[in-house]
Amino acid sequence: MTEGRPRYGFVISHLKDAVFAHRPGHGAMHVRDLGVAEATGGDIRVAVAKAGGPAVPGDTGGRHWHDLDVQLMYCLKGWQVLDLGEGVGRVTVEAGSFWTQPYGMVHEVLDHSDDFEVLIVNLPARYGTHEPPASLGMAEGGNVKS
């Protein structure tokens, strides 16, 4: 091992043992945590989220942003329609699409297919979710000014 590098633990998660649970703030999505947060001391969270019912506008918290370093998303199945804020706008992602949501990027889930599944990587594992300021206080690209 290289000195100074984090010592992360081993994780394996099999689909046959998977538990997809509804989490507050995730609307109709059911989330399967892959156990990476514990193995990385909270540095990284990896989860798979899938549709557990029809999308209802506003059920994922409406327009919001996260105070994390970055959120990496990879669509595994189906499609999702997002509003990624000023500078990006409305986007439809589908199986094979990859996108990032950096610190402060205001976004909203508008719709998804019944079979939608997405791999989510959050750095760090724990973060807050916030409404954008009423004044918008938006930087270029739809990000909240820090």
N, C-alpha and C. Protein backbone atom coordinates (compact mmCIF):
# COMPACT_ATOMS: atom_id res chain seq x y z
N MET A 1 0.83 -1.19 0.00
CA MET A 1 0.00 0.00 0.00
C MET A 1 0.87 1.25 0.00
N THR A 2 0.34 2.28 -0.58
CA THR A 2 1.04 3.56 -0.60
C THR A 2 0.74 4.31 0.69
N GLU A 3 1.77 4.84 1.33
CA GLU A 3 1.58 5.59 2.58
C GLU A 3 0.75 6.83 2.33
N GLY A 4 -0.06 7.17 3.31
CA GLY A 4 -0.87 8.38 3.22
C GLY A 4 -2.20 8.18 2.52
N ARG A 5 -2.40 7.04 1.89
CA ARG A 5 -3.68 6.79 1.22
C ARG A 5 -4.69 6.26 2.22
N PRO A 6 -5.97 6.61 2.03
CA PRO A 6 -7.00 6.08 2.94
C PRO A 6 -7.04 4.56 2.89
N ARG A 7 -7.33 3.98 4.03
CA ARG A 7 -7.46 2.53 4.09
C ARG A 7 -8.95 2.21 4.13
N TYR A 8 -9.50 1.95 2.98
CA TYR A 8 -10.92 1.64 2.87
C TYR A 8 -11.15 0.15 2.99
N GLY A 9 -12.32 -0.20 3.52
CA GLY A 9 -12.68 -1.60 3.67
C GLY A 9 -13.27 -2.19 2.40
N PHE A 10 -13.35 -3.50 2.38
CA PHE A 10 -13.91 -4.25 1.26
C PHE A 10 -15.44 -4.28 1.37
N VAL A 11 -16.12 -4.19 0.23
CA VAL A 11 -17.58 -4.28 0.18
C VAL A 11 -17.97 -5.16 -1.00
N ILE A 12 -18.94 -6.01 -0.77
CA ILE A 12 -19.58 -6.74 -1.88
C ILE A 12 -21.07 -6.75 -1.56
N SER A 13 -21.87 -6.49 -2.56
CA SER A 13 -23.32 -6.42 -2.39
C SER A 13 -23.97 -7.13 -3.56
N HIS A 14 -24.72 -8.18 -3.27
CA HIS A 14 -25.35 -8.99 -4.31
C HIS A 14 -26.82 -8.60 -4.48
N LEU A 15 -27.28 -8.56 -5.71
CA LEU A 15 -28.67 -8.22 -5.99
C LEU A 15 -29.64 -9.18 -5.31
N LYS A 16 -29.30 -10.46 -5.26
CA LYS A 16 -30.21 -11.44 -4.66
C LYS A 16 -30.48 -11.15 -3.18
N ASP A 17 -29.56 -10.45 -2.51
CA ASP A 17 -29.72 -10.09 -1.10
C ASP A 17 -30.20 -8.65 -0.90
N ALA A 18 -30.47 -7.97 -1.98
CA ALA A 18 -30.73 -6.52 -1.93
C ALA A 18 -32.04 -6.17 -1.26
N VAL A 19 -32.00 -5.06 -0.54
CA VAL A 19 -33.20 -4.46 0.05
C VAL A 19 -33.32 -3.05 -0.52
N PHE A 20 -34.39 -2.80 -1.24
CA PHE A 20 -34.69 -1.47 -1.75
C PHE A 20 -35.73 -0.86 -0.81
N ALA A 21 -35.41 0.24 -0.20
CA ALA A 21 -36.30 0.85 0.79
C ALA A 21 -36.69 2.26 0.38
N HIS A 22 -37.91 2.64 0.72
CA HIS A 22 -38.33 4.02 0.49
C HIS A 22 -37.64 4.90 1.50
N ARG A 23 -37.10 6.03 1.04
CA ARG A 23 -36.44 6.98 1.93
C ARG A 23 -37.15 8.32 1.81
N PRO A 24 -37.42 8.99 2.92
CA PRO A 24 -38.07 10.31 2.87
C PRO A 24 -37.29 11.25 1.95
N GLY A 25 -38.02 12.02 1.16
CA GLY A 25 -37.41 12.98 0.25
C GLY A 25 -37.05 12.40 -1.11
N HIS A 26 -37.28 11.10 -1.30
CA HIS A 26 -36.96 10.47 -2.58
C HIS A 26 -38.20 10.14 -3.39
N GLY A 27 -39.35 10.67 -3.01
CA GLY A 27 -40.57 10.47 -3.78
C GLY A 27 -40.89 9.00 -3.96
N ALA A 28 -41.15 8.61 -5.21
CA ALA A 28 -41.53 7.22 -5.51
C ALA A 28 -40.32 6.31 -5.66
N MET A 29 -39.13 6.84 -5.46
CA MET A 29 -37.92 6.04 -5.63
C MET A 29 -37.65 5.16 -4.41
N HIS A 30 -37.18 3.96 -4.66
CA HIS A 30 -36.74 3.04 -3.62
C HIS A 30 -35.22 2.90 -3.76
N VAL A 31 -34.53 2.96 -2.64
CA VAL A 31 -33.07 3.07 -2.66
C VAL A 31 -32.42 1.84 -2.01
N ARG A 32 -31.39 1.35 -2.66
CA ARG A 32 -30.56 0.26 -2.13
C ARG A 32 -29.17 0.81 -1.85
N ASP A 33 -28.81 0.93 -0.58
CA ASP A 33 -27.48 1.38 -0.21
C ASP A 33 -26.51 0.22 -0.39
N LEU A 34 -25.37 0.45 -1.02
CA LEU A 34 -24.43 -0.63 -1.31
C LEU A 34 -23.36 -0.83 -0.24
N GLY A 35 -23.43 -0.07 0.87
CA GLY A 35 -22.55 -0.29 1.99
C GLY A 35 -21.19 0.37 1.90
N VAL A 36 -21.01 1.26 0.96
CA VAL A 36 -19.71 1.88 0.75
C VAL A 36 -19.41 2.95 1.80
N ALA A 37 -20.43 3.64 2.30
CA ALA A 37 -20.20 4.71 3.28
C ALA A 37 -19.46 4.18 4.51
N GLU A 38 -19.91 3.06 5.02
CA GLU A 38 -19.26 2.49 6.20
C GLU A 38 -17.82 2.07 5.89
N ALA A 39 -17.62 1.49 4.72
CA ALA A 39 -16.30 1.00 4.34
C ALA A 39 -15.31 2.12 4.05
N THR A 40 -15.82 3.34 3.78
CA THR A 40 -14.95 4.48 3.45
C THR A 40 -14.94 5.54 4.54
N GLY A 41 -15.47 5.21 5.71
CA GLY A 41 -15.49 6.18 6.79
C GLY A 41 -16.32 7.41 6.47
N GLY A 42 -17.33 7.25 5.62
CA GLY A 42 -18.22 8.36 5.26
C GLY A 42 -17.73 9.21 4.10
N ASP A 43 -16.64 8.84 3.48
CA ASP A 43 -16.12 9.62 2.35
C ASP A 43 -16.99 9.50 1.10
N ILE A 44 -17.57 8.30 0.88
CA ILE A 44 -18.30 8.02 -0.35
C ILE A 44 -19.56 7.23 -0.03
N ARG A 45 -20.64 7.54 -0.70
CA ARG A 45 -21.87 6.74 -0.60
C ARG A 45 -22.23 6.29 -2.01
N VAL A 46 -22.53 5.00 -2.17
CA VAL A 46 -22.97 4.47 -3.45
C VAL A 46 -24.30 3.77 -3.23
N ALA A 47 -25.25 4.07 -4.10
CA ALA A 47 -26.58 3.47 -3.98
C ALA A 47 -27.17 3.26 -5.38
N VAL A 48 -28.14 2.39 -5.45
CA VAL A 48 -28.96 2.22 -6.64
C VAL A 48 -30.36 2.63 -6.25
N ALA A 49 -30.97 3.50 -7.05
CA ALA A 49 -32.35 3.91 -6.81
C ALA A 49 -33.19 3.46 -8.00
N LYS A 50 -34.40 3.00 -7.72
CA LYS A 50 -35.28 2.58 -8.80
C LYS A 50 -36.70 3.07 -8.53
N ALA A 51 -37.45 3.21 -9.61
CA ALA A 51 -38.83 3.68 -9.50
C ALA A 51 -39.64 2.67 -8.72
N GLY A 52 -40.41 3.17 -7.75
CA GLY A 52 -41.30 2.33 -6.97
C GLY A 52 -42.74 2.73 -7.18
N GLY A 53 -42.96 3.59 -8.16
CA GLY A 53 -44.29 4.10 -8.47
C GLY A 53 -44.14 5.27 -9.42
N PRO A 54 -45.25 5.85 -9.84
CA PRO A 54 -45.18 6.96 -10.80
C PRO A 54 -44.56 8.21 -10.18
N ALA A 55 -43.89 8.99 -11.02
CA ALA A 55 -43.32 10.26 -10.56
C ALA A 55 -44.45 11.26 -10.35
N VAL A 56 -44.36 12.00 -9.26
CA VAL A 56 -45.32 13.06 -8.96
C VAL A 56 -44.50 14.33 -8.80
N PRO A 57 -44.77 15.36 -9.63
CA PRO A 57 -43.99 16.59 -9.52
C PRO A 57 -43.95 17.11 -8.08
N GLY A 58 -42.74 17.42 -7.61
CA GLY A 58 -42.55 17.95 -6.27
C GLY A 58 -42.34 16.91 -5.20
N ASP A 59 -42.54 15.61 -5.51
CA ASP A 59 -42.43 14.60 -4.44
C ASP A 59 -41.00 14.28 -4.05
N THR A 60 -40.02 14.79 -4.79
CA THR A 60 -38.62 14.63 -4.38
C THR A 60 -38.09 15.93 -3.77
N GLY A 61 -39.01 16.77 -3.32
CA GLY A 61 -38.61 18.01 -2.67
C GLY A 61 -38.67 19.23 -3.56
N GLY A 62 -39.19 19.09 -4.78
CA GLY A 62 -39.23 20.23 -5.68
C GLY A 62 -37.81 20.66 -6.06
N ARG A 63 -37.67 21.94 -6.40
CA ARG A 63 -36.33 22.47 -6.73
C ARG A 63 -35.49 22.49 -5.47
N HIS A 64 -34.29 21.89 -5.53
CA HIS A 64 -33.43 21.81 -4.36
C HIS A 64 -31.97 21.67 -4.79
N TRP A 65 -31.07 21.75 -3.81
CA TRP A 65 -29.65 21.54 -4.06
C TRP A 65 -29.04 20.83 -2.87
N HIS A 66 -27.88 20.22 -3.08
CA HIS A 66 -27.20 19.46 -2.04
C HIS A 66 -25.86 20.11 -1.71
N ASP A 67 -25.51 20.10 -0.43
CA ASP A 67 -24.21 20.64 -0.02
C ASP A 67 -23.17 19.51 0.08
N LEU A 68 -22.96 18.86 -1.05
CA LEU A 68 -21.92 17.83 -1.15
C LEU A 68 -20.91 18.27 -2.20
N ASP A 69 -19.78 17.60 -2.24
CA ASP A 69 -18.76 17.97 -3.23
C ASP A 69 -19.25 17.69 -4.64
N VAL A 70 -19.76 16.49 -4.84
CA VAL A 70 -20.29 16.12 -6.15
C VAL A 70 -21.18 14.89 -6.02
N GLN A 71 -22.16 14.81 -6.90
CA GLN A 71 -23.03 13.65 -7.02
C GLN A 71 -22.86 13.15 -8.45
N LEU A 72 -22.49 11.88 -8.59
CA LEU A 72 -22.28 11.26 -9.90
C LEU A 72 -23.45 10.32 -10.15
N MET A 73 -24.04 10.40 -11.33
CA MET A 73 -25.24 9.61 -11.64
C MET A 73 -25.05 8.87 -12.97
N TYR A 74 -25.47 7.59 -12.98
CA TYR A 74 -25.41 6.78 -14.19
C TYR A 74 -26.73 6.04 -14.32
N CYS A 75 -27.46 6.31 -15.40
CA CYS A 75 -28.77 5.68 -15.62
C CYS A 75 -28.57 4.24 -16.10
N LEU A 76 -29.09 3.30 -15.33
CA LEU A 76 -28.97 1.88 -15.64
C LEU A 76 -30.10 1.38 -16.54
N LYS A 77 -31.33 1.89 -16.30
CA LYS A 77 -32.51 1.44 -17.04
C LYS A 77 -33.49 2.60 -17.17
N GLY A 78 -34.31 2.55 -18.21
CA GLY A 78 -35.39 3.50 -18.35
C GLY A 78 -34.92 4.91 -18.66
N TRP A 79 -35.70 5.90 -18.19
CA TRP A 79 -35.40 7.30 -18.43
C TRP A 79 -35.91 8.16 -17.28
N GLN A 80 -35.39 9.38 -17.20
CA GLN A 80 -35.82 10.35 -16.20
C GLN A 80 -35.72 11.74 -16.82
N VAL A 81 -36.69 12.60 -16.50
CA VAL A 81 -36.65 14.00 -16.95
C VAL A 81 -36.31 14.85 -15.74
N LEU A 82 -35.28 15.68 -15.90
CA LEU A 82 -34.80 16.55 -14.83
C LEU A 82 -34.77 17.99 -15.30
N ASP A 83 -34.94 18.91 -14.37
CA ASP A 83 -34.63 20.31 -14.62
C ASP A 83 -33.35 20.56 -13.84
N LEU A 84 -32.25 20.83 -14.55
CA LEU A 84 -30.95 21.02 -13.92
C LEU A 84 -30.59 22.49 -13.78
N GLY A 85 -31.59 23.35 -13.75
CA GLY A 85 -31.37 24.76 -13.44
C GLY A 85 -30.87 25.57 -14.61
N GLU A 86 -30.65 26.86 -14.31
CA GLU A 86 -30.17 27.81 -15.31
C GLU A 86 -28.85 27.35 -15.89
N GLY A 87 -28.70 27.53 -17.18
CA GLY A 87 -27.46 27.13 -17.84
C GLY A 87 -27.51 25.73 -18.40
N VAL A 88 -28.39 24.87 -17.86
CA VAL A 88 -28.53 23.51 -18.36
C VAL A 88 -29.98 23.28 -18.80
N GLY A 89 -30.92 23.55 -17.91
CA GLY A 89 -32.33 23.41 -18.24
C GLY A 89 -32.84 21.99 -18.15
N ARG A 90 -33.90 21.72 -18.91
CA ARG A 90 -34.56 20.41 -18.88
C ARG A 90 -33.74 19.41 -19.68
N VAL A 91 -33.53 18.24 -19.08
CA VAL A 91 -32.73 17.19 -19.69
C VAL A 91 -33.45 15.86 -19.50
N THR A 92 -33.43 15.03 -20.53
CA THR A 92 -33.92 13.65 -20.40
C THR A 92 -32.70 12.74 -20.44
N VAL A 93 -32.53 11.96 -19.38
CA VAL A 93 -31.46 10.97 -19.33
C VAL A 93 -32.09 9.61 -19.58
N GLU A 94 -31.31 8.72 -20.17
CA GLU A 94 -31.81 7.38 -20.46
C GLU A 94 -30.70 6.38 -20.20
N ALA A 95 -31.02 5.10 -20.28
CA ALA A 95 -30.03 4.05 -20.00
C ALA A 95 -28.73 4.37 -20.72
N GLY A 96 -27.63 4.39 -19.95
CA GLY A 96 -26.32 4.71 -20.50
C GLY A 96 -25.91 6.16 -20.31
N SER A 97 -26.83 7.04 -19.90
CA SER A 97 -26.48 8.45 -19.67
C SER A 97 -25.75 8.60 -18.34
N PHE A 98 -24.75 9.49 -18.32
CA PHE A 98 -24.00 9.83 -17.12
C PHE A 98 -24.04 11.34 -16.95
N TRP A 99 -24.20 11.80 -15.71
CA TRP A 99 -24.17 13.24 -15.44
C TRP A 99 -23.67 13.48 -14.02
N THR A 100 -23.23 14.71 -13.79
CA THR A 100 -22.77 15.10 -12.47
C THR A 100 -23.62 16.25 -11.97
N GLN A 101 -23.77 16.31 -10.67
CA GLN A 101 -24.43 17.43 -10.02
C GLN A 101 -23.46 17.95 -8.96
N PRO A 102 -22.70 19.00 -9.29
CA PRO A 102 -21.73 19.53 -8.33
C PRO A 102 -22.41 20.30 -7.20
N TYR A 103 -21.62 20.66 -6.21
CA TYR A 103 -22.09 21.45 -5.07
C TYR A 103 -22.99 22.58 -5.55
N GLY A 104 -24.17 22.67 -4.95
CA GLY A 104 -25.05 23.80 -5.20
C GLY A 104 -25.87 23.76 -6.47
N MET A 105 -25.77 22.73 -7.29
CA MET A 105 -26.53 22.70 -8.53
C MET A 105 -28.01 22.48 -8.21
N VAL A 106 -28.81 23.48 -8.51
CA VAL A 106 -30.25 23.38 -8.27
C VAL A 106 -30.84 22.44 -9.31
N HIS A 107 -31.66 21.50 -8.84
CA HIS A 107 -32.26 20.53 -9.75
C HIS A 107 -33.62 20.09 -9.23
N GLU A 108 -34.38 19.48 -10.13
CA GLU A 108 -35.69 18.94 -9.78
C GLU A 108 -36.00 17.76 -10.68
N VAL A 109 -36.50 16.68 -10.10
CA VAL A 109 -36.96 15.53 -10.87
C VAL A 109 -38.38 15.83 -11.32
N LEU A 110 -38.62 15.71 -12.63
CA LEU A 110 -39.94 16.01 -13.18
C LEU A 110 -40.74 14.77 -13.54
N ASP A 111 -40.06 13.72 -14.02
CA ASP A 111 -40.77 12.52 -14.44
C ASP A 111 -39.76 11.38 -14.60
N HIS A 112 -40.25 10.15 -14.61
CA HIS A 112 -39.39 8.99 -14.87
C HIS A 112 -40.24 7.84 -15.37
N SER A 113 -39.58 6.90 -16.05
CA SER A 113 -40.27 5.70 -16.53
C SER A 113 -40.51 4.76 -15.36
N ASP A 114 -41.43 3.82 -15.56
CA ASP A 114 -41.74 2.85 -14.51
C ASP A 114 -40.55 1.94 -14.18
N ASP A 115 -39.64 1.77 -15.14
CA ASP A 115 -38.49 0.88 -14.93
C ASP A 115 -37.19 1.65 -14.66
N PHE A 116 -37.28 2.93 -14.34
CA PHE A 116 -36.09 3.75 -14.13
C PHE A 116 -35.22 3.23 -12.99
N GLU A 117 -33.90 3.11 -13.26
CA GLU A 117 -32.91 2.76 -12.24
C GLU A 117 -31.67 3.60 -12.47
N VAL A 118 -31.07 4.07 -11.38
CA VAL A 118 -29.89 4.92 -11.47
C VAL A 118 -28.88 4.53 -10.40
N LEU A 119 -27.60 4.53 -10.77
CA LEU A 119 -26.50 4.35 -9.83
C LEU A 119 -26.09 5.75 -9.37
N ILE A 120 -26.00 5.95 -8.05
CA ILE A 120 -25.68 7.26 -7.48
C ILE A 120 -24.43 7.14 -6.63
N VAL A 121 -23.47 8.02 -6.86
CA VAL A 121 -22.26 8.09 -6.06
C VAL A 121 -22.20 9.50 -5.46
N ASN A 122 -22.16 9.58 -4.13
CA ASN A 122 -22.11 10.87 -3.43
C ASN A 122 -20.78 11.02 -2.71
N LEU A 123 -20.17 12.18 -2.84
CA LEU A 123 -18.96 12.52 -2.09
C LEU A 123 -19.21 13.83 -1.37
N PRO A 124 -19.24 13.86 -0.07
CA PRO A 124 -19.15 12.76 0.87
C PRO A 124 -20.49 12.04 1.00
N ALA A 125 -20.50 11.00 1.87
CA ALA A 125 -21.69 10.18 2.05
C ALA A 125 -22.84 10.97 2.67
N ARG A 126 -22.55 11.81 3.64
CA ARG A 126 -23.59 12.60 4.32
C ARG A 126 -23.57 14.02 3.81
N TYR A 127 -24.77 14.55 3.58
CA TYR A 127 -24.89 15.91 3.06
C TYR A 127 -26.28 16.44 3.38
N GLY A 128 -26.46 17.72 3.21
CA GLY A 128 -27.77 18.33 3.42
C GLY A 128 -28.44 18.65 2.10
N THR A 129 -29.76 18.75 2.14
CA THR A 129 -30.57 19.13 0.98
C THR A 129 -31.28 20.42 1.33
N HIS A 130 -31.26 21.39 0.41
CA HIS A 130 -31.78 22.72 0.70
C HIS A 130 -32.62 23.25 -0.45
N GLU A 131 -33.56 24.13 -0.12
CA GLU A 131 -34.30 24.85 -1.14
C GLU A 131 -33.42 25.98 -1.65
N PRO A 132 -33.54 26.34 -2.93
CA PRO A 132 -32.76 27.48 -3.41
C PRO A 132 -33.28 28.76 -2.77
N PRO A 133 -32.43 29.78 -2.61
CA PRO A 133 -32.87 31.04 -2.02
C PRO A 133 -33.98 31.67 -2.85
N ALA A 134 -34.89 32.35 -2.19
CA ALA A 134 -36.01 33.00 -2.87
C ALA A 134 -35.50 33.99 -3.92
N SER A 135 -34.39 34.64 -3.63
CA SER A 135 -33.81 35.61 -4.57
C SER A 135 -33.09 34.91 -5.71
N LEU A 136 -33.10 33.60 -5.68
CA LEU A 136 -32.39 32.71 -6.59
C LEU A 136 -30.90 32.68 -6.30
N GLY A 137 -30.23 33.81 -6.06
CA GLY A 137 -28.82 33.78 -5.70
C GLY A 137 -28.03 32.76 -6.50
N MET A 138 -28.36 32.65 -7.77
CA MET A 138 -27.79 31.61 -8.60
C MET A 138 -26.54 32.09 -9.31
N ALA A 139 -25.54 31.26 -9.32
CA ALA A 139 -24.35 31.51 -10.12
C ALA A 139 -24.60 30.94 -11.51
N GLU A 140 -23.73 31.24 -12.45
CA GLU A 140 -23.85 30.69 -13.78
C GLU A 140 -23.88 29.17 -13.71
N GLY A 141 -24.73 28.55 -14.53
CA GLY A 141 -24.82 27.08 -14.56
C GLY A 141 -25.86 26.57 -13.58
N GLY A 142 -26.59 27.45 -12.91
CA GLY A 142 -27.64 27.00 -12.01
C GLY A 142 -27.15 26.66 -10.64
N ASN A 143 -25.94 27.03 -10.29
CA ASN A 143 -25.40 26.71 -8.97
C ASN A 143 -25.66 27.82 -7.97
N VAL A 144 -25.89 27.43 -6.74
CA VAL A 144 -26.06 28.40 -5.67
C VAL A 144 -24.69 28.99 -5.38
N LYS A 145 -24.62 30.31 -5.23
CA LYS A 145 -23.34 30.97 -4.93
C LYS A 145 -22.88 30.54 -3.56
N SER A 146 -21.58 30.22 -3.43
CA SER A 146 -21.05 29.81 -2.12
C SER A 146 -20.35 30.97 -1.46
